[in-house]
Structure formats: structure tokens, C-alpha cells
Amino acid sequence: MDVQRELLIEQRVANEAKSPLIAYLLLIFLWGFGVHRMYLGRWISGFIMLAIWGVGWLTVPILIGWPAVGFIAIWCVIDLFLIPGMIRGDREDIRRRLRW
């Protein structure tokens, strides 16, 4: 019975977990908007990223927005390496929730 329960849990994890492909596509095509973070359930950091990105581009014409835009660009490059860990964490959260 335990094996069957674990198989059902793993099936639910596979169905409910976020897709790495979608996360990477969101990052690559909408990188500065933070949509990939929102998709992965990190709403606050996604909105912070969006706000910095927006303010950065609004202030680029007066030349003070470039550091903000550069900061977000670096953050996005780092996120390329963090997405697999975010997906793993999402799957572990689903497993914990289903085992209770």
C-alpha cells in the first residue's frame, strides 16, 4: 500500500510541478519583467524585479537608469542557474503537502 501511495504522490508531483521549459522561456523572452519568478511562485521578488526594471527604463533617458537595468540583467543571468533549484524546491513542497 505504501508503494502505491508513493507512486500516486509522484504522479501528482509530476502533474502539479512547474515546468522548467516554461520557466526558461519566460526568462529568455521576458527576462527583465520577472515573469519567470512569478511563475515559479516567487511573487515578491518578481514584482521587485519588475519595479526596478520599469523605473530603470523610465530613467534611462536622463542617464540614471542604466545601473538598475544592468542590475536586473545580472539578476537574470544568475537566475539561469537558480531555476533548477527553484523547480526542485517546488516539487519538494508538493511532496510535503501531499504526504500529510
Protein backbone atom coordinates (compact mmCIF):
# COMPACT_ATOMS: atom_id res chain seq x y z
CA MET A 1 0.00 0.00 0.00
CA ASP A 2 2.90 2.38 0.74
CA VAL A 3 4.41 1.83 -2.69
CA GLN A 4 1.09 2.60 -4.37
CA ARG A 5 0.67 5.76 -2.26
CA GLU A 6 4.20 6.93 -3.16
CA LEU A 7 3.52 6.31 -6.86
CA LEU A 8 0.34 8.37 -6.64
CA ILE A 9 2.23 11.16 -4.87
CA GLU A 10 4.96 11.17 -7.53
CA GLN A 11 2.32 11.25 -10.26
CA ARG A 12 0.67 14.27 -8.64
CA VAL A 13 4.08 15.94 -8.25
CA ALA A 14 4.76 15.42 -11.96
CA ASN A 15 1.36 16.88 -12.87
CA GLU A 16 1.41 19.85 -10.49
CA ALA A 17 5.08 20.93 -10.58
CA LYS A 18 6.16 23.92 -12.63
CA SER A 19 7.77 23.25 -15.99
CA PRO A 20 11.46 24.13 -16.33
CA LEU A 21 10.93 24.72 -20.06
CA ILE A 22 8.25 27.33 -19.45
CA ALA A 23 10.35 28.98 -16.73
CA TYR A 24 13.35 29.25 -19.07
CA LEU A 25 11.22 30.52 -21.96
CA LEU A 26 9.72 33.21 -19.73
CA LEU A 27 13.19 34.18 -18.53
CA ILE A 28 14.66 34.33 -22.02
CA PHE A 29 11.81 36.19 -23.75
CA LEU A 30 10.54 38.39 -20.89
CA TRP A 31 13.71 38.47 -18.83
CA GLY A 32 13.55 41.90 -17.17
CA PHE A 33 9.89 41.68 -16.26
CA GLY A 34 10.39 38.97 -13.60
CA VAL A 35 7.55 36.83 -15.00
CA HIS A 36 9.65 33.68 -14.61
CA ARG A 37 9.89 34.32 -10.86
CA MET A 38 6.15 34.95 -10.59
CA TYR A 39 5.50 31.70 -12.49
CA LEU A 40 7.71 29.84 -10.00
CA GLY A 41 5.77 31.25 -7.05
CA ARG A 42 8.27 33.93 -6.03
CA TRP A 43 5.81 36.78 -6.39
CA ILE A 44 7.55 39.36 -4.22
CA SER A 45 10.93 39.09 -5.92
CA GLY A 46 9.16 39.02 -9.30
CA PHE A 47 7.37 42.29 -8.56
CA ILE A 48 10.58 43.83 -7.20
CA MET A 49 12.35 42.83 -10.39
CA LEU A 50 9.52 44.31 -12.47
CA ALA A 51 9.56 47.58 -10.49
CA ILE A 52 13.34 48.03 -10.76
CA TRP A 53 13.20 47.17 -14.47
CA GLY A 54 10.40 49.68 -15.09
CA VAL A 55 11.98 52.50 -13.09
CA GLY A 56 15.33 51.77 -14.72
CA TRP A 57 13.97 52.10 -18.23
CA LEU A 58 11.91 55.18 -17.33
CA THR A 59 15.03 56.93 -16.05
CA VAL A 60 17.42 55.79 -18.81
CA PRO A 61 16.78 58.97 -20.86
CA ILE A 62 18.24 61.04 -18.01
CA LEU A 63 21.11 58.55 -17.73
CA ILE A 64 20.47 57.38 -14.16
CA GLY A 65 18.55 54.23 -15.07
CA TRP A 66 21.42 52.24 -16.53
CA PRO A 67 22.63 50.82 -13.18
CA ALA A 68 19.12 49.50 -12.46
CA VAL A 69 18.83 47.93 -15.91
CA GLY A 70 22.31 46.42 -15.51
CA PHE A 71 21.42 45.05 -12.07
CA ILE A 72 18.35 43.30 -13.48
CA ALA A 73 20.39 41.92 -16.40
CA ILE A 74 22.88 40.39 -13.94
CA TRP A 75 20.00 39.08 -11.79
CA CYS A 76 18.54 37.35 -14.88
CA VAL A 77 21.86 35.70 -15.72
CA ILE A 78 22.09 34.40 -12.15
CA ASP A 79 18.50 33.12 -12.39
CA LEU A 80 19.54 30.96 -15.35
CA PHE A 81 21.43 28.87 -12.80
CA LEU A 82 18.87 29.16 -9.98
CA ILE A 83 15.81 27.90 -11.88
CA PRO A 84 16.60 24.17 -11.43
CA GLY A 85 16.82 24.64 -7.66
CA MET A 86 13.57 26.61 -7.63
CA ILE A 87 11.85 23.77 -9.52
CA ARG A 88 13.28 21.18 -7.09
CA GLY A 89 12.01 23.24 -4.15
CA ASP A 90 8.57 23.46 -5.72
CA ARG A 91 8.47 19.68 -6.16
CA GLU A 92 9.56 19.11 -2.55
CA ASP A 93 6.83 21.46 -1.31
CA ILE A 94 4.23 19.50 -3.27
CA ARG A 95 5.53 16.19 -1.86
CA ARG A 96 5.41 17.53 1.70
CA ARG A 97 1.89 18.83 1.20
CA LEU A 98 0.67 15.52 -0.23
CA ARG A 99 2.27 13.33 2.45
CA TRP A 100 0.32 14.99 5.25
